[in-house]
Amino acid sequence: MPYSLGKVFFGTLSVLALMLASTPHALASSCSGFDLSANNLGLSGSVGCVTVQNSGANQVTVTITMDAGFSVKLNGGDVAFSGPVGLTLADAGTINIESGMFTGAFTKLRENQNISSFGKFDFDYANIKGQPGGVVSADTISFTLTASGLTASQFTSFALHFCTASGTNCGPKTGFAEGEPAFSTPEPGTMVLLGTGFLGLVGVGRRKLFHR
């Protein structure tokens, strides 16, 4: 490869790498649902992931999996989200805690609830009860929501009350985390941006080669 063409080629790769790194959600995420990457405690990175899957007619299953070092607050906790309409407290089924070790249930539902630092959410299911004594947090929980016309695609954002420790004892701090949909593939806008940048740099290389 001629020296000048090689410089253009490797320069192009370097610029494309910088463009990918600086574009939000451009790269694959380990979370296939709602990445809990924002919080009100000033912690960097994600604290967990929320997935929503269709599990039956008019039914979805919500699964919250916390990253190492974090857990879902149960008593007094909140699981808030936006998107669906017309939900009631009775629409939420039994909560599966720690992959079936024990179960719980939401005891409160607030609508249009303000969640610290993240604004208002359409629904806030709260105050999980039913777990054994001394258990105040969990690394994983899942529950079903059943309502007429409900589908996974209706959910647009999540927020929850979390603890800064894994396991059942919560502590040492609690806070709120919020998640938007994670992207596993580059967004269309990112692809257009990368394609335009690549073609532009190739054009520069061609002009340099043919005007020597």
C-alpha atoms as a PDB file:
ATOM      1  CA  MET A   1       0.000   0.000   0.000  1.00  0.00           C
ATOM      2  CA  PRO A   2       1.522   3.407  -0.962  1.00  0.00           C
ATOM      3  CA  TYR A   3       2.617   5.455   2.020  1.00  0.00           C
ATOM      4  CA  SER A   4       0.143   8.321   1.405  1.00  0.00           C
ATOM      5  CA  LEU A   5      -2.786   5.950   0.891  1.00  0.00           C
ATOM      6  CA  GLY A   6      -1.843   4.075   4.055  1.00  0.00           C
ATOM      7  CA  LYS A   7      -1.853   7.303   6.055  1.00  0.00           C
ATOM      8  CA  VAL A   8      -5.343   8.159   4.755  1.00  0.00           C
ATOM      9  CA  PHE A   9      -6.639   4.644   5.465  1.00  0.00           C
ATOM     10  CA  PHE A  10      -5.418   4.500   9.055  1.00  0.00           C
ATOM     11  CA  GLY A  11      -6.457   8.096   9.631  1.00  0.00           C
ATOM     12  CA  THR A  12      -9.958   7.165   8.489  1.00  0.00           C
ATOM     13  CA  LEU A  13     -10.105   4.253  10.927  1.00  0.00           C
ATOM     14  CA  SER A  14      -8.983   6.476  13.792  1.00  0.00           C
ATOM     15  CA  VAL A  15     -11.631   9.114  13.088  1.00  0.00           C
ATOM     16  CA  LEU A  16     -14.388   6.492  12.769  1.00  0.00           C
ATOM     17  CA  ALA A  17     -13.372   4.987  16.119  1.00  0.00           C
ATOM     18  CA  LEU A  18     -13.635   8.407  17.769  1.00  0.00           C
ATOM     19  CA  MET A  19     -17.055   8.985  16.208  1.00  0.00           C
ATOM     20  CA  LEU A  20     -18.333   5.668  17.565  1.00  0.00           C
ATOM     21  CA  ALA A  21     -16.966   6.354  21.023  1.00  0.00           C
ATOM     22  CA  SER A  22     -18.582   9.790  21.219  1.00  0.00           C
ATOM     23  CA  THR A  23     -22.051   8.743  20.002  1.00  0.00           C
ATOM     24  CA  PRO A  24     -24.510   7.793  22.816  1.00  0.00           C
ATOM     25  CA  HIS A  25     -25.775   4.187  22.671  1.00  0.00           C
ATOM     26  CA  ALA A  26     -23.785   3.529  19.487  1.00  0.00           C
ATOM     27  CA  LEU A  27     -22.105   0.413  20.816  1.00  0.00           C
ATOM     28  CA  ALA A  28     -23.605  -2.847  22.023  1.00  0.00           C
ATOM     29  CA  SER A  29     -24.817  -2.855  25.628  1.00  0.00           C
ATOM     30  CA  SER A  30     -24.909  -5.808  28.012  1.00  0.00           C
ATOM     31  CA  CYS A  31     -28.448  -4.681  28.900  1.00  0.00           C
ATOM     32  CA  SER A  32     -31.085  -5.676  26.353  1.00  0.00           C
ATOM     33  CA  GLY A  33     -33.812  -3.577  27.973  1.00  0.00           C
ATOM     34  CA  PHE A  34     -33.659  -0.415  30.075  1.00  0.00           C
ATOM     35  CA  ASP A  35     -30.112   0.305  31.246  1.00  0.00           C
ATOM     36  CA  LEU A  36     -30.163   1.923  34.711  1.00  0.00           C
ATOM     37  CA  SER A  37     -27.277   4.222  33.859  1.00  0.00           C
ATOM     38  CA  ALA A  38     -28.439   7.402  35.621  1.00  0.00           C
ATOM     39  CA  ASN A  39     -28.776   7.888  39.373  1.00  0.00           C
ATOM     40  CA  ASN A  40     -29.076  10.661  41.971  1.00  0.00           C
ATOM     41  CA  LEU A  41     -26.063   9.537  44.024  1.00  0.00           C
ATOM     42  CA  GLY A  42     -23.428  10.655  41.551  1.00  0.00           C
ATOM     43  CA  LEU A  43     -22.311   7.078  40.797  1.00  0.00           C
ATOM     44  CA  SER A  44     -20.782   6.447  37.377  1.00  0.00           C
ATOM     45  CA  GLY A  45     -21.934   3.628  35.104  1.00  0.00           C
ATOM     46  CA  SER A  46     -24.945   1.364  35.247  1.00  0.00           C
ATOM     47  CA  VAL A  47     -26.396  -0.100  38.452  1.00  0.00           C
ATOM     48  CA  GLY A  48     -28.673  -2.631  36.767  1.00  0.00           C
ATOM     49  CA  CYS A  49     -31.010  -3.560  33.929  1.00  0.00           C
ATOM     50  CA  VAL A  50     -34.786  -3.805  33.494  1.00  0.00           C
ATOM     51  CA  THR A  51     -36.219  -6.077  30.802  1.00  0.00           C
ATOM     52  CA  VAL A  52     -39.850  -6.155  29.685  1.00  0.00           C
ATOM     53  CA  GLN A  53     -41.110  -9.120  27.675  1.00  0.00           C
ATOM     54  CA  ASN A  54     -44.496 -10.156  26.359  1.00  0.00           C
ATOM     55  CA  SER A  55     -45.429 -13.260  28.352  1.00  0.00           C
ATOM     56  CA  GLY A  56     -49.040 -13.817  27.332  1.00  0.00           C
ATOM     57  CA  ALA A  57     -52.122 -12.165  25.905  1.00  0.00           C
ATOM     58  CA  ASN A  58     -52.338  -8.666  27.439  1.00  0.00           C
ATOM     59  CA  GLN A  59     -49.482  -9.579  29.773  1.00  0.00           C
ATOM     60  CA  VAL A  60     -45.832  -8.578  30.195  1.00  0.00           C
ATOM     61  CA  THR A  61     -43.127  -9.751  32.594  1.00  0.00           C
ATOM     62  CA  VAL A  62     -40.829  -7.154  34.123  1.00  0.00           C
ATOM     63  CA  THR A  63     -37.445  -8.410  35.366  1.00  0.00           C
ATOM     64  CA  ILE A  64     -35.013  -6.225  37.310  1.00  0.00           C
ATOM     65  CA  THR A  65     -31.443  -7.509  37.556  1.00  0.00           C
ATOM     66  CA  MET A  66     -29.025  -5.394  39.556  1.00  0.00           C
ATOM     67  CA  ASP A  67     -25.292  -5.220  38.888  1.00  0.00           C
ATOM     68  CA  ALA A  68     -22.770  -6.422  41.469  1.00  0.00           C
ATOM     69  CA  GLY A  69     -22.709  -4.074  44.453  1.00  0.00           C
ATOM     70  CA  PHE A  70     -26.347  -2.953  44.112  1.00  0.00           C
ATOM     71  CA  SER A  71     -29.823  -4.276  44.986  1.00  0.00           C
ATOM     72  CA  VAL A  72     -33.500  -3.344  44.691  1.00  0.00           C
ATOM     73  CA  LYS A  73     -34.980  -1.754  47.812  1.00  0.00           C
ATOM     74  CA  LEU A  74     -38.092  -3.696  48.848  1.00  0.00           C
ATOM     75  CA  ASN A  75     -39.862  -2.242  51.914  1.00  0.00           C
ATOM     76  CA  GLY A  76     -40.558   1.379  51.081  1.00  0.00           C
ATOM     77  CA  GLY A  77     -39.116   0.929  47.610  1.00  0.00           C
ATOM     78  CA  ASP A  78     -40.446   2.087  44.247  1.00  0.00           C
ATOM     79  CA  VAL A  79     -40.620   0.648  40.736  1.00  0.00           C
ATOM     80  CA  ALA A  80     -41.831   3.421  38.445  1.00  0.00           C
ATOM     81  CA  PHE A  81     -42.322   3.507  34.688  1.00  0.00           C
ATOM     82  CA  SER A  82     -43.975   5.392  31.862  1.00  0.00           C
ATOM     83  CA  GLY A  83     -45.718   4.317  28.676  1.00  0.00           C
ATOM     84  CA  PRO A  84     -48.777   2.141  29.426  1.00  0.00           C
ATOM     85  CA  VAL A  85     -52.128   3.619  30.407  1.00  0.00           C
ATOM     86  CA  GLY A  86     -54.961   2.636  32.744  1.00  0.00           C
ATOM     87  CA  LEU A  87     -53.069   0.275  35.065  1.00  0.00           C
ATOM     88  CA  THR A  88     -54.301  -0.535  38.582  1.00  0.00           C
ATOM     89  CA  LEU A  89     -52.690  -2.070  41.679  1.00  0.00           C
ATOM     90  CA  ALA A  90     -54.489  -5.350  40.974  1.00  0.00           C
ATOM     91  CA  ASP A  91     -52.825  -5.591  37.549  1.00  0.00           C
ATOM     92  CA  ALA A  92     -49.475  -6.402  39.187  1.00  0.00           C
ATOM     93  CA  GLY A  93     -49.018 -10.082  40.023  1.00  0.00           C
ATOM     94  CA  THR A  94     -46.923 -11.752  42.707  1.00  0.00           C
ATOM     95  CA  ILE A  95     -43.314 -10.569  42.831  1.00  0.00           C
ATOM     96  CA  ASN A  96     -40.736 -13.310  42.354  1.00  0.00           C
ATOM     97  CA  ILE A  97     -37.765 -12.351  44.546  1.00  0.00           C
ATOM     98  CA  GLU A  98     -34.254 -13.790  44.147  1.00  0.00           C
ATOM     99  CA  SER A  99     -35.320 -16.266  41.419  1.00  0.00           C
ATOM    100  CA  GLY A 100     -38.023 -17.940  43.478  1.00  0.00           C
ATOM    101  CA  MET A 101     -36.420 -17.975  46.932  1.00  0.00           C
ATOM    102  CA  PHE A 102     -39.482 -16.104  48.211  1.00  0.00           C
ATOM    103  CA  THR A 103     -42.297 -13.886  46.961  1.00  0.00           C
ATOM    104  CA  GLY A 104     -43.790 -10.497  47.676  1.00  0.00           C
ATOM    105  CA  ALA A 105     -46.455  -8.075  46.504  1.00  0.00           C
ATOM    106  CA  PHE A 106     -46.800  -4.359  45.839  1.00  0.00           C
ATOM    107  CA  THR A 107     -49.063  -2.620  48.319  1.00  0.00           C
ATOM    108  CA  LYS A 108     -49.257   0.861  46.782  1.00  0.00           C
ATOM    109  CA  LEU A 109     -49.759   2.404  43.356  1.00  0.00           C
ATOM    110  CA  ARG A 110     -49.256   6.094  42.659  1.00  0.00           C
ATOM    111  CA  GLU A 111     -50.019   7.730  39.326  1.00  0.00           C
ATOM    112  CA  ASN A 112     -48.091  10.623  37.815  1.00  0.00           C
ATOM    113  CA  GLN A 113     -45.526  10.239  40.581  1.00  0.00           C
ATOM    114  CA  ASN A 114     -42.463  12.458  40.848  1.00  0.00           C
ATOM    115  CA  ILE A 115     -39.256  10.419  41.280  1.00  0.00           C
ATOM    116  CA  SER A 116     -36.280  12.217  42.805  1.00  0.00           C
ATOM    117  CA  SER A 117     -34.140  13.930  40.128  1.00  0.00           C
ATOM    118  CA  PHE A 118     -35.933  12.288  37.197  1.00  0.00           C
ATOM    119  CA  GLY A 119     -39.339  13.939  37.015  1.00  0.00           C
ATOM    120  CA  LYS A 120     -42.758  12.325  36.816  1.00  0.00           C
ATOM    121  CA  PHE A 121     -43.596   8.755  35.826  1.00  0.00           C
ATOM    122  CA  ASP A 122     -47.010   7.456  34.794  1.00  0.00           C
ATOM    123  CA  PHE A 123     -47.090   4.676  37.395  1.00  0.00           C
ATOM    124  CA  ASP A 124     -45.184   3.966  40.595  1.00  0.00           C
ATOM    125  CA  TYR A 125     -45.664   0.552  42.183  1.00  0.00           C
ATOM    126  CA  ALA A 126     -44.283   0.634  45.714  1.00  0.00           C
ATOM    127  CA  ASN A 127     -43.707  -0.849  49.165  1.00  0.00           C
ATOM    128  CA  ILE A 128     -43.063  -4.537  48.467  1.00  0.00           C
ATOM    129  CA  LYS A 129     -44.326  -6.751  51.307  1.00  0.00           C
ATOM    130  CA  GLY A 130     -44.230 -10.477  52.047  1.00  0.00           C
ATOM    131  CA  GLN A 131     -40.515 -11.281  52.229  1.00  0.00           C
ATOM    132  CA  PRO A 132     -39.058 -12.958  55.360  1.00  0.00           C
ATOM    133  CA  GLY A 133     -38.003 -10.844  58.330  1.00  0.00           C
ATOM    134  CA  GLY A 134     -34.715  -9.060  57.865  1.00  0.00           C
ATOM    135  CA  VAL A 135     -34.877  -9.118  54.080  1.00  0.00           C
ATOM    136  CA  VAL A 136     -35.100  -5.523  52.872  1.00  0.00           C
ATOM    137  CA  SER A 137     -33.481  -5.708  49.411  1.00  0.00           C
ATOM    138  CA  ALA A 138     -32.857  -8.161  46.568  1.00  0.00           C
ATOM    139  CA  ASP A 139     -30.494  -8.556  43.627  1.00  0.00           C
ATOM    140  CA  THR A 140     -33.277  -9.689  41.268  1.00  0.00           C
ATOM    141  CA  ILE A 141     -37.055  -9.359  41.184  1.00  0.00           C
ATOM    142  CA  SER A 142     -39.646 -10.080  38.517  1.00  0.00           C
ATOM    143  CA  PHE A 143     -43.402  -9.628  38.249  1.00  0.00           C
ATOM    144  CA  THR A 144     -46.158  -9.696  35.660  1.00  0.00           C
ATOM    145  CA  LEU A 145     -48.522  -6.925  34.659  1.00  0.00           C
ATOM    146  CA  THR A 146     -51.815  -7.921  33.057  1.00  0.00           C
ATOM    147  CA  ALA A 147     -54.164  -5.404  31.456  1.00  0.00           C
ATOM    148  CA  SER A 148     -56.217  -5.053  28.305  1.00  0.00           C
ATOM    149  CA  GLY A 149     -54.023  -4.285  25.296  1.00  0.00           C
ATOM    150  CA  LEU A 150     -50.790  -4.235  27.326  1.00  0.00           C
ATOM    151  CA  THR A 151     -47.576  -4.978  25.391  1.00  0.00           C
ATOM    152  CA  ALA A 152     -43.855  -4.634  26.111  1.00  0.00           C
ATOM    153  CA  SER A 153     -43.418  -2.034  23.372  1.00  0.00           C
ATOM    154  CA  GLN A 154     -45.518   0.491  25.334  1.00  0.00           C
ATOM    155  CA  PHE A 155     -42.883   1.009  28.045  1.00  0.00           C
ATOM    156  CA  THR A 156     -40.639   4.035  27.509  1.00  0.00           C
ATOM    157  CA  SER A 157     -38.680   4.518  30.758  1.00  0.00           C
ATOM    158  CA  PHE A 158     -38.091   3.057  34.225  1.00  0.00           C
ATOM    159  CA  ALA A 159     -36.927   4.312  37.611  1.00  0.00           C
ATOM    160  CA  LEU A 160     -36.440   2.449  40.866  1.00  0.00           C
ATOM    161  CA  HIS A 161     -35.282   2.785  44.459  1.00  0.00           C
ATOM    162  CA  PHE A 162     -31.975   0.969  44.908  1.00  0.00           C
ATOM    163  CA  CYS A 163     -29.363   0.169  47.571  1.00  0.00           C
ATOM    164  CA  THR A 164     -25.589   0.473  47.262  1.00  0.00           C
ATOM    165  CA  ALA A 165     -24.939  -3.108  48.378  1.00  0.00           C
ATOM    166  CA  SER A 166     -25.797  -6.524  46.976  1.00  0.00           C
ATOM    167  CA  GLY A 167     -27.950  -9.022  48.839  1.00  0.00           C
ATOM    168  CA  THR A 168     -30.786  -8.714  51.318  1.00  0.00           C
ATOM    169  CA  ASN A 169     -29.532  -6.098  53.793  1.00  0.00           C
ATOM    170  CA  CYS A 170     -29.585  -2.954  51.627  1.00  0.00           C
ATOM    171  CA  GLY A 171     -27.239  -0.122  52.745  1.00  0.00           C
ATOM    172  CA  PRO A 172     -24.985   1.665  53.107  1.00  0.00           C
ATOM    173  CA  LYS A 173     -26.873   4.196  50.961  1.00  0.00           C
ATOM    174  CA  THR A 174     -30.099   4.249  48.970  1.00  0.00           C
ATOM    175  CA  GLY A 175     -30.937   6.272  45.902  1.00  0.00           C
ATOM    176  CA  PHE A 176     -32.952   6.347  42.700  1.00  0.00           C
ATOM    177  CA  ALA A 177     -31.784   5.044  39.319  1.00  0.00           C
ATOM    178  CA  GLU A 178     -33.384   5.707  35.946  1.00  0.00           C
ATOM    179  CA  GLY A 179     -33.098   3.883  32.651  1.00  0.00           C
ATOM    180  CA  GLU A 180     -33.905   4.587  29.029  1.00  0.00           C
ATOM    181  CA  PRO A 181     -34.004   1.839  26.370  1.00  0.00           C
ATOM    182  CA  ALA A 182     -30.557   0.399  25.648  1.00  0.00           C
ATOM    183  CA  PHE A 183     -29.484  -0.089  22.023  1.00  0.00           C
ATOM    184  CA  SER A 184     -27.625  -3.233  20.952  1.00  0.00           C
ATOM    185  CA  THR A 185     -26.933  -1.989  17.424  1.00  0.00           C
ATOM    186  CA  PRO A 186     -25.910   1.416  16.024  1.00  0.00           C
ATOM    187  CA  GLU A 187     -28.787   3.824  15.551  1.00  0.00           C
ATOM    188  CA  PRO A 188     -29.686   4.888  11.980  1.00  0.00           C
ATOM    189  CA  GLY A 189     -28.393   8.392  12.651  1.00  0.00           C
ATOM    190  CA  THR A 190     -25.079   6.957  13.780  1.00  0.00           C
ATOM    191  CA  MET A 191     -24.781   4.853  10.622  1.00  0.00           C
ATOM    192  CA  VAL A 192     -25.455   7.879   8.412  1.00  0.00           C
ATOM    193  CA  LEU A 193     -22.891   9.918  10.327  1.00  0.00           C
ATOM    194  CA  LEU A 194     -20.263   7.200  10.025  1.00  0.00           C
ATOM    195  CA  GLY A 195     -20.961   6.652   6.333  1.00  0.00           C
ATOM    196  CA  THR A 196     -20.698  10.355   5.581  1.00  0.00           C
ATOM    197  CA  GLY A 197     -17.456  10.642   7.495  1.00  0.00           C
ATOM    198  CA  PHE A 198     -15.963   7.630   5.755  1.00  0.00           C
ATOM    199  CA  LEU A 199     -16.865   8.836   2.267  1.00  0.00           C
ATOM    200  CA  GLY A 200     -15.525  12.296   3.035  1.00  0.00           C
ATOM    201  CA  LEU A 201     -12.193  10.958   4.191  1.00  0.00           C
ATOM    202  CA  VAL A 202     -11.900   8.626   1.218  1.00  0.00           C
ATOM    203  CA  GLY A 203     -12.553  11.620  -1.057  1.00  0.00           C
ATOM    204  CA  VAL A 204      -9.734  13.519   0.628  1.00  0.00           C
ATOM    205  CA  GLY A 205      -7.417  10.571   0.065  1.00  0.00           C
ATOM    206  CA  ARG A 206      -8.343  10.319  -3.605  1.00  0.00           C
ATOM    207  CA  ARG A 207      -7.655  14.005  -4.162  1.00  0.00           C
ATOM    208  CA  LYS A 208      -4.260  13.704  -2.508  1.00  0.00           C
ATOM    209  CA  LEU A 209      -3.311  10.694  -4.606  1.00  0.00           C
ATOM    210  CA  PHE A 210      -4.373  12.138  -7.963  1.00  0.00           C
ATOM    211  CA  HIS A 211      -2.947  15.609  -7.452  1.00  0.00           C
ATOM    212  CA  ARG A 212       0.594  14.640  -6.606  1.00  0.00           C
END
